[in-house]
C-alpha atoms as a PDB file:
ATOM      1  CA  MET A   1     -64.308 -70.730 129.149  1.00  0.00           C
ATOM      2  CA  ASP A   2     -64.558 -74.151 131.182  1.00  0.00           C
ATOM      3  CA  MET A   3     -64.337 -77.061 129.107  1.00  0.00           C
ATOM      4  CA  ASP A   4     -64.125 -80.010 131.663  1.00  0.00           C
ATOM      5  CA  MET A   5     -66.010 -82.996 130.883  1.00  0.00           C
ATOM      6  CA  LYS A   6     -67.273 -85.487 133.022  1.00  0.00           C
ATOM      7  CA  THR A   7     -65.060 -88.372 133.549  1.00  0.00           C
ATOM      8  CA  ASN A   8     -66.027 -91.766 134.901  1.00  0.00           C
ATOM      9  CA  ALA A   9     -64.099 -91.180 138.348  1.00  0.00           C
ATOM     10  CA  ARG A  10     -64.584 -94.679 139.805  1.00  0.00           C
ATOM     11  CA  ARG A  11     -63.230 -96.158 136.427  1.00  0.00           C
ATOM     12  CA  LEU A  12     -60.268 -93.780 136.777  1.00  0.00           C
ATOM     13  CA  LYS A  13     -59.287 -95.301 140.230  1.00  0.00           C
ATOM     14  CA  GLN A  14     -59.911 -98.808 139.173  1.00  0.00           C
ATOM     15  CA  LEU A  15     -57.398 -98.338 136.290  1.00  0.00           C
ATOM     16  CA  ARG A  16     -54.837 -96.716 138.561  1.00  0.00           C
ATOM     17  CA  GLU A  17     -55.395 -99.348 141.507  1.00  0.00           C
ATOM     18  CA  ALA A  18     -54.937-102.149 139.052  1.00  0.00           C
ATOM     19  CA  LYS A  19     -51.534-100.904 138.477  1.00  0.00           C
ATOM     20  CA  SER A  20     -50.829-100.371 142.032  1.00  0.00           C
ATOM     21  CA  TRP A  21     -49.906 -96.784 141.569  1.00  0.00           C
ATOM     22  CA  SER A  22     -50.665 -94.284 143.897  1.00  0.00           C
ATOM     23  CA  GLN A  23     -52.294 -90.760 142.907  1.00  0.00           C
ATOM     24  CA  GLU A  24     -48.843 -89.214 142.939  1.00  0.00           C
ATOM     25  CA  HIS A  25     -47.193 -91.834 140.592  1.00  0.00           C
ATOM     26  CA  LEU A  26     -50.176 -91.077 138.271  1.00  0.00           C
ATOM     27  CA  ALA A  27     -49.592 -87.463 138.425  1.00  0.00           C
ATOM     28  CA  GLU A  28     -45.673 -87.926 137.676  1.00  0.00           C
ATOM     29  CA  ALA A  29     -46.609 -90.516 134.719  1.00  0.00           C
ATOM     30  CA  SER A  30     -49.247 -88.303 133.170  1.00  0.00           C
ATOM     31  CA  GLY A  31     -47.289 -84.891 133.769  1.00  0.00           C
ATOM     32  CA  LEU A  32     -50.233 -83.594 135.483  1.00  0.00           C
ATOM     33  CA  SER A  33     -50.281 -82.072 138.949  1.00  0.00           C
ATOM     34  CA  LEU A  34     -51.369 -84.247 142.115  1.00  0.00           C
ATOM     35  CA  ARG A  35     -54.151 -81.841 142.828  1.00  0.00           C
ATOM     36  CA  THR A  36     -55.379 -82.437 139.088  1.00  0.00           C
ATOM     37  CA  VAL A  37     -55.435 -86.255 139.732  1.00  0.00           C
ATOM     38  CA  GLN A  38     -57.098 -85.844 142.925  1.00  0.00           C
ATOM     39  CA  ARG A  39     -59.743 -83.834 141.761  1.00  0.00           C
ATOM     40  CA  VAL A  40     -60.598 -85.807 138.740  1.00  0.00           C
ATOM     41  CA  GLU A  41     -60.796 -88.867 141.000  1.00  0.00           C
ATOM     42  CA  THR A  42     -63.144 -86.878 143.513  1.00  0.00           C
ATOM     43  CA  GLU A  43     -65.115 -84.821 141.220  1.00  0.00           C
ATOM     44  CA  GLY A  44     -65.233 -86.631 137.861  1.00  0.00           C
ATOM     45  CA  ASN A  45     -64.552 -83.330 135.920  1.00  0.00           C
ATOM     46  CA  ALA A  46     -61.513 -83.124 133.577  1.00  0.00           C
ATOM     47  CA  SER A  47     -60.484 -81.267 130.504  1.00  0.00           C
ATOM     48  CA  PRO A  48     -60.012 -83.126 127.076  1.00  0.00           C
ATOM     49  CA  GLU A  49     -56.304 -82.744 127.750  1.00  0.00           C
ATOM     50  CA  THR A  50     -56.254 -83.910 131.070  1.00  0.00           C
ATOM     51  CA  ARG A  51     -58.260 -86.970 130.146  1.00  0.00           C
ATOM     52  CA  LEU A  52     -55.710 -87.673 127.351  1.00  0.00           C
ATOM     53  CA  ALA A  53     -52.822 -87.440 129.552  1.00  0.00           C
ATOM     54  CA  LEU A  54     -54.537 -89.783 132.122  1.00  0.00           C
ATOM     55  CA  ALA A  55     -55.509 -92.183 129.470  1.00  0.00           C
ATOM     56  CA  GLY A  56     -52.076 -92.132 127.997  1.00  0.00           C
ATOM     57  CA  ALA A  57     -50.238 -92.686 131.203  1.00  0.00           C
ATOM     58  CA  LEU A  58     -52.567 -95.666 131.986  1.00  0.00           C
ATOM     59  CA  GLY A  59     -52.286 -96.999 128.691  1.00  0.00           C
ATOM     60  CA  VAL A  60     -55.952 -97.147 127.777  1.00  0.00           C
ATOM     61  CA  ASP A  61     -58.233 -95.272 125.265  1.00  0.00           C
ATOM     62  CA  VAL A  62     -59.335 -91.991 126.223  1.00  0.00           C
ATOM     63  CA  ALA A  63     -63.197 -93.264 125.856  1.00  0.00           C
ATOM     64  CA  GLU A  64     -62.728 -95.707 128.575  1.00  0.00           C
ATOM     65  CA  LEU A  65     -62.506 -92.602 130.811  1.00  0.00           C
ATOM     66  CA  GLY A  66     -65.581 -91.334 129.725  1.00  0.00           C
ATOM     67  CA  ALA A  67     -68.504 -90.436 131.984  1.00  0.00           C
ATOM     68  CA  ALA A  68     -70.325 -93.149 133.947  1.00  0.00           C
ATOM     69  CA  PRO A  69     -73.173 -94.550 132.282  1.00  0.00           C
ATOM     70  CA  VAL A  70     -76.440 -92.833 133.448  1.00  0.00           C
ATOM     71  CA  PRO A  71     -78.909 -95.645 134.610  1.00  0.00           C
ATOM     72  CA  SER A  72     -82.040 -95.406 132.625  1.00  0.00           C
ATOM     73  CA  PRO A  73     -85.339 -95.468 134.601  1.00  0.00           C
ATOM     74  CA  PRO A  74     -87.138 -98.716 134.521  1.00  0.00           C
ATOM     75  CA  GLU A  75     -89.600 -99.175 131.807  1.00  0.00           C
ATOM     76  CA  PRO A  76     -93.184 -99.156 133.034  1.00  0.00           C
ATOM     77  CA  SER A  77     -95.237-102.606 132.699  1.00  0.00           C
ATOM     78  CA  PRO A  78     -98.091-102.611 130.244  1.00  0.00           C
ATOM     79  CA  ASN A  79    -100.573-102.133 133.119  1.00  0.00           C
ATOM     80  CA  GLU A  80     -98.743 -99.112 134.518  1.00  0.00           C
ATOM     81  CA  SER A  81     -98.882 -95.604 133.739  1.00  0.00           C
ATOM     82  CA  ARG A  82     -97.745 -92.153 135.095  1.00  0.00           C
ATOM     83  CA  SER A  83    -100.952 -92.250 137.335  1.00  0.00           C
ATOM     84  CA  GLY A  84    -100.179 -95.627 138.823  1.00  0.00           C
ATOM     85  CA  SER A  85    -100.274 -99.452 138.388  1.00  0.00           C
ATOM     86  CA  GLY A  86    -103.225-101.101 136.565  1.00  0.00           C
ATOM     87  CA  LYS A  87    -104.778-102.392 139.888  1.00  0.00           C
ATOM     88  CA  ASN A  88    -104.454 -98.938 141.427  1.00  0.00           C
ATOM     89  CA  ARG A  89    -106.375 -97.284 138.603  1.00  0.00           C
ATOM     90  CA  PHE A  90    -109.088-100.119 138.583  1.00  0.00           C
ATOM     91  CA  LEU A  91    -109.730 -99.586 142.211  1.00  0.00           C
ATOM     92  CA  ARG A  92    -110.076 -95.938 141.932  1.00  0.00           C
ATOM     93  CA  HIS A  93    -112.536 -96.581 139.141  1.00  0.00           C
ATOM     94  CA  CYS A  94    -114.624 -98.961 141.481  1.00  0.00           C
ATOM     95  CA  ILE A  95    -114.454 -96.572 144.106  1.00  0.00           C
ATOM     96  CA  VAL A  96    -115.848 -93.576 142.031  1.00  0.00           C
ATOM     97  CA  TYR A  97    -118.316 -95.812 140.250  1.00  0.00           C
ATOM     98  CA  ILE A  98    -119.679 -96.830 143.858  1.00  0.00           C
ATOM     99  CA  VAL A  99    -119.577 -93.251 145.144  1.00  0.00           C
ATOM    100  CA  VAL A 100    -121.372 -91.755 141.990  1.00  0.00           C
ATOM    101  CA  CYS A 101    -124.006 -94.369 141.594  1.00  0.00           C
ATOM    102  CA  SER A 102    -124.933 -94.038 145.302  1.00  0.00           C
ATOM    103  CA  TRP A 103    -125.229 -90.436 144.805  1.00  0.00           C
ATOM    104  CA  LEU A 104    -127.608 -90.889 141.663  1.00  0.00           C
ATOM    105  CA  ALA A 105    -129.472 -93.457 143.576  1.00  0.00           C
ATOM    106  CA  TRP A 106    -130.160 -91.053 146.352  1.00  0.00           C
ATOM    107  CA  MET A 107    -131.111 -88.499 143.984  1.00  0.00           C
ATOM    108  CA  ASP A 108    -133.483 -90.636 142.039  1.00  0.00           C
ATOM    109  CA  TRP A 109    -135.072 -92.179 145.386  1.00  0.00           C
ATOM    110  CA  HIS A 110    -135.381 -88.399 146.724  1.00  0.00           C
ATOM    111  CA  GLN A 111    -137.186 -87.223 143.689  1.00  0.00           C
ATOM    112  CA  ASN A 112    -139.474 -90.125 143.113  1.00  0.00           C
ATOM    113  CA  GLY A 113    -139.573 -92.319 146.061  1.00  0.00           C
ATOM    114  CA  ARG A 114    -138.225 -95.107 144.181  1.00  0.00           C
ATOM    115  CA  LEU A 115    -135.572 -95.912 141.622  1.00  0.00           C
ATOM    116  CA  VAL A 116    -136.984 -94.502 137.926  1.00  0.00           C
ATOM    117  CA  TRP A 117    -133.881 -93.824 136.036  1.00  0.00           C
ATOM    118  CA  ALA A 118    -130.804 -94.303 138.174  1.00  0.00           C
ATOM    119  CA  TYR A 119    -130.500 -98.077 137.407  1.00  0.00           C
ATOM    120  CA  TRP A 120    -129.517 -97.038 133.521  1.00  0.00           C
ATOM    121  CA  PRO A 121    -126.078 -95.225 134.700  1.00  0.00           C
ATOM    122  CA  PHE A 122    -125.331 -98.276 137.210  1.00  0.00           C
ATOM    123  CA  PHE A 123    -126.048-100.750 134.187  1.00  0.00           C
ATOM    124  CA  GLY A 124    -123.895 -98.735 131.700  1.00  0.00           C
ATOM    125  CA  TRP A 125    -121.050 -97.749 133.583  1.00  0.00           C
ATOM    126  CA  GLY A 126    -120.867-101.262 135.449  1.00  0.00           C
ATOM    127  CA  ILE A 127    -120.089-102.748 131.764  1.00  0.00           C
ATOM    128  CA  GLY A 128    -117.246-100.272 131.579  1.00  0.00           C
ATOM    129  CA  VAL A 129    -116.039-101.412 135.234  1.00  0.00           C
ATOM    130  CA  PHE A 130    -116.403-105.219 134.612  1.00  0.00           C
ATOM    131  CA  PHE A 131    -114.302-104.917 131.049  1.00  0.00           C
ATOM    132  CA  HIS A 132    -111.940-102.742 132.847  1.00  0.00           C
ATOM    133  CA  GLY A 133    -111.149-105.530 135.369  1.00  0.00           C
ATOM    134  CA  LEU A 134    -111.374-108.303 132.832  1.00  0.00           C
ATOM    135  CA  GLY A 135    -108.709-106.528 130.887  1.00  0.00           C
ATOM    136  CA  LEU A 136    -106.586-105.954 134.040  1.00  0.00           C
ATOM    137  CA  TRP A 137    -106.675-109.694 135.039  1.00  0.00           C
ATOM    138  CA  LEU A 138    -106.861-111.471 131.770  1.00  0.00           C
ATOM    139  CA  PRO A 139    -103.489-112.796 130.538  1.00  0.00           C
ATOM    140  CA  SER A 140    -101.827-110.231 127.967  1.00  0.00           C
ATOM    141  CA  ASP A 141    -101.829-113.296 125.241  1.00  0.00           C
ATOM    142  CA  ARG A 142    -105.473-113.466 125.536  1.00  0.00           C
ATOM    143  CA  ARG A 143    -106.407-109.953 125.103  1.00  0.00           C
END
């Protein structure tokens, strides 16, 4: 069973070079083979025993050789979601509003020869578009 753990290869190399040691010298000081030291510095994998030997030879706590921290993804701003930024969502909202309202106006005009009912969706949905834009451009402390 393979018990290798992720090791911070960059940190290991920094600690070794801070002592002006070659990989060969670290291998001798830790009682490991040169190939093992090379593998750990290259691949970042080491068994718990290997990490303990390297930490002891370098005079550091074994936790210092732990895996390199994984950068976390940036937090989305309040105006962003998985579907894009707030301005992009508002633009899509406006485009859909214009396309659908144009189609409704054409249908109403085609059926009645004038606008009879199409202005109601224009008005109701237009209020929603207005407040969507207002919420996007108002400062967050005013919402």
